[in-house]
Amino acid sequence: MNLSLSFPAGIHPYQWTKADVLTWVRWAVDEFSLTGVDEQRFGMNGKALSLLGKEGFTDRVPFAGDVLYNLLHNLLQGG
């Protein structure tokens, strides 16, 4: 799977708006059947999201934070 084609397509994560971040979270939840994700805990822009460490993700989503973290960092590395 080419993660660079995931939502929001074609925009570097640093440039995502709050709405783009929520779109990406919803995409990841649907694509990977993630449970227990409160998307409102990600009410931030892409730069803020990108600056979260793995702990920031797992604090927000204990059972799926590592998946979201890895997906985002794959995108940041051009994956």
C-alpha atoms as a PDB file:
ATOM      1  CA  MET A   1       0.000   0.000   0.000  1.00  0.00           C
ATOM      2  CA  ASN A   2       1.291   3.410  -0.901  1.00  0.00           C
ATOM      3  CA  LEU A   3       0.600   5.454   2.216  1.00  0.00           C
ATOM      4  CA  SER A   4       1.376   8.694   0.415  1.00  0.00           C
ATOM      5  CA  LEU A   5      -1.953   8.217  -1.351  1.00  0.00           C
ATOM      6  CA  SER A   6      -3.889   8.167   1.922  1.00  0.00           C
ATOM      7  CA  PHE A   7      -5.977  11.144   2.951  1.00  0.00           C
ATOM      8  CA  PRO A   8      -5.364  14.017   2.599  1.00  0.00           C
ATOM      9  CA  ALA A   9      -3.713  13.051  -0.642  1.00  0.00           C
ATOM     10  CA  GLY A  10      -0.814  15.009  -2.030  1.00  0.00           C
ATOM     11  CA  ILE A  11      -0.270  17.319   0.941  1.00  0.00           C
ATOM     12  CA  HIS A  12       2.752  16.964   3.228  1.00  0.00           C
ATOM     13  CA  PRO A  13       1.592  16.237   6.801  1.00  0.00           C
ATOM     14  CA  TYR A  14       3.253  19.451   8.090  1.00  0.00           C
ATOM     15  CA  GLN A  15       0.797  21.392   5.929  1.00  0.00           C
ATOM     16  CA  TRP A  16      -2.355  19.587   7.096  1.00  0.00           C
ATOM     17  CA  THR A  17      -5.114  21.654   8.649  1.00  0.00           C
ATOM     18  CA  LYS A  18      -7.095  20.391  11.643  1.00  0.00           C
ATOM     19  CA  ALA A  19      -9.700  19.105   9.189  1.00  0.00           C
ATOM     20  CA  ASP A  20      -7.000  17.255   7.222  1.00  0.00           C
ATOM     21  CA  VAL A  21      -5.724  15.600  10.410  1.00  0.00           C
ATOM     22  CA  LEU A  22      -9.234  14.398  11.247  1.00  0.00           C
ATOM     23  CA  THR A  23      -9.657  13.101   7.691  1.00  0.00           C
ATOM     24  CA  TRP A  24      -6.422  11.136   8.042  1.00  0.00           C
ATOM     25  CA  VAL A  25      -7.421   9.736  11.452  1.00  0.00           C
ATOM     26  CA  ARG A  26     -10.800   8.633  10.051  1.00  0.00           C
ATOM     27  CA  TRP A  27      -9.064   7.041   7.062  1.00  0.00           C
ATOM     28  CA  ALA A  28      -6.661   5.124   9.325  1.00  0.00           C
ATOM     29  CA  VAL A  29      -9.497   3.944  11.597  1.00  0.00           C
ATOM     30  CA  ASP A  30     -11.434   2.617   8.606  1.00  0.00           C
ATOM     31  CA  GLU A  31      -8.441   1.224   6.696  1.00  0.00           C
ATOM     32  CA  PHE A  32      -6.976  -0.670   9.654  1.00  0.00           C
ATOM     33  CA  SER A  33     -10.179  -1.362  11.648  1.00  0.00           C
ATOM     34  CA  LEU A  34      -8.822   0.516  14.648  1.00  0.00           C
ATOM     35  CA  THR A  35     -11.005   0.653  17.731  1.00  0.00           C
ATOM     36  CA  GLY A  36     -11.110   3.027  20.667  1.00  0.00           C
ATOM     37  CA  VAL A  37      -9.950   6.037  18.663  1.00  0.00           C
ATOM     38  CA  ASP A  38     -11.483   9.334  19.785  1.00  0.00           C
ATOM     39  CA  GLU A  39     -10.696  11.519  16.802  1.00  0.00           C
ATOM     40  CA  GLN A  40     -11.306  14.666  18.852  1.00  0.00           C
ATOM     41  CA  ARG A  41      -8.102  13.896  20.763  1.00  0.00           C
ATOM     42  CA  PHE A  42      -6.322  14.782  17.521  1.00  0.00           C
ATOM     43  CA  GLY A  43      -7.787  18.283  17.163  1.00  0.00           C
ATOM     44  CA  MET A  44      -4.542  19.836  15.943  1.00  0.00           C
ATOM     45  CA  ASN A  45      -2.878  20.778  12.696  1.00  0.00           C
ATOM     46  CA  GLY A  46      -0.397  18.580  10.894  1.00  0.00           C
ATOM     47  CA  LYS A  47       2.705  20.260  12.258  1.00  0.00           C
ATOM     48  CA  ALA A  48       1.550  19.700  15.837  1.00  0.00           C
ATOM     49  CA  LEU A  49       0.601  16.104  14.998  1.00  0.00           C
ATOM     50  CA  SER A  50       4.008  15.515  13.431  1.00  0.00           C
ATOM     51  CA  LEU A  51       5.748  16.785  16.558  1.00  0.00           C
ATOM     52  CA  LEU A  52       3.960  14.295  18.820  1.00  0.00           C
ATOM     53  CA  GLY A  53       6.191  11.515  20.011  1.00  0.00           C
ATOM     54  CA  LYS A  54       5.050   7.922  20.139  1.00  0.00           C
ATOM     55  CA  GLU A  55       4.004   8.505  23.745  1.00  0.00           C
ATOM     56  CA  GLY A  56       1.750  11.365  22.630  1.00  0.00           C
ATOM     57  CA  PHE A  57      -0.077   8.978  20.315  1.00  0.00           C
ATOM     58  CA  THR A  58      -0.350   6.142  22.834  1.00  0.00           C
ATOM     59  CA  ASP A  59      -1.562   8.558  25.538  1.00  0.00           C
ATOM     60  CA  ARG A  60      -4.386   9.600  23.206  1.00  0.00           C
ATOM     61  CA  VAL A  61      -5.147   6.111  21.870  1.00  0.00           C
ATOM     62  CA  PRO A  62      -3.698   3.373  24.111  1.00  0.00           C
ATOM     63  CA  PHE A  63      -4.543   0.431  21.843  1.00  0.00           C
ATOM     64  CA  ALA A  64      -3.899   2.000  18.441  1.00  0.00           C
ATOM     65  CA  GLY A  65      -1.540   4.907  19.052  1.00  0.00           C
ATOM     66  CA  ASP A  66       1.497   2.975  17.883  1.00  0.00           C
ATOM     67  CA  VAL A  67      -0.247   2.169  14.592  1.00  0.00           C
ATOM     68  CA  LEU A  68      -1.144   5.823  13.988  1.00  0.00           C
ATOM     69  CA  TYR A  69       2.355   6.934  14.959  1.00  0.00           C
ATOM     70  CA  ASN A  70       3.980   4.482  12.550  1.00  0.00           C
ATOM     71  CA  LEU A  71       1.597   5.421   9.724  1.00  0.00           C
ATOM     72  CA  LEU A  72       2.318   9.113  10.147  1.00  0.00           C
ATOM     73  CA  HIS A  73       6.061   8.639  10.316  1.00  0.00           C
ATOM     74  CA  ASN A  74       5.970   6.482   7.216  1.00  0.00           C
ATOM     75  CA  LEU A  75       4.282   9.414   5.447  1.00  0.00           C
ATOM     76  CA  LEU A  76       6.817  11.871   6.848  1.00  0.00           C
ATOM     77  CA  GLN A  77       9.623   9.738   5.440  1.00  0.00           C
ATOM     78  CA  GLY A  78       8.012   9.762   2.014  1.00  0.00           C
ATOM     79  CA  GLY A  79       6.416   6.330   2.259  1.00  0.00           C
END
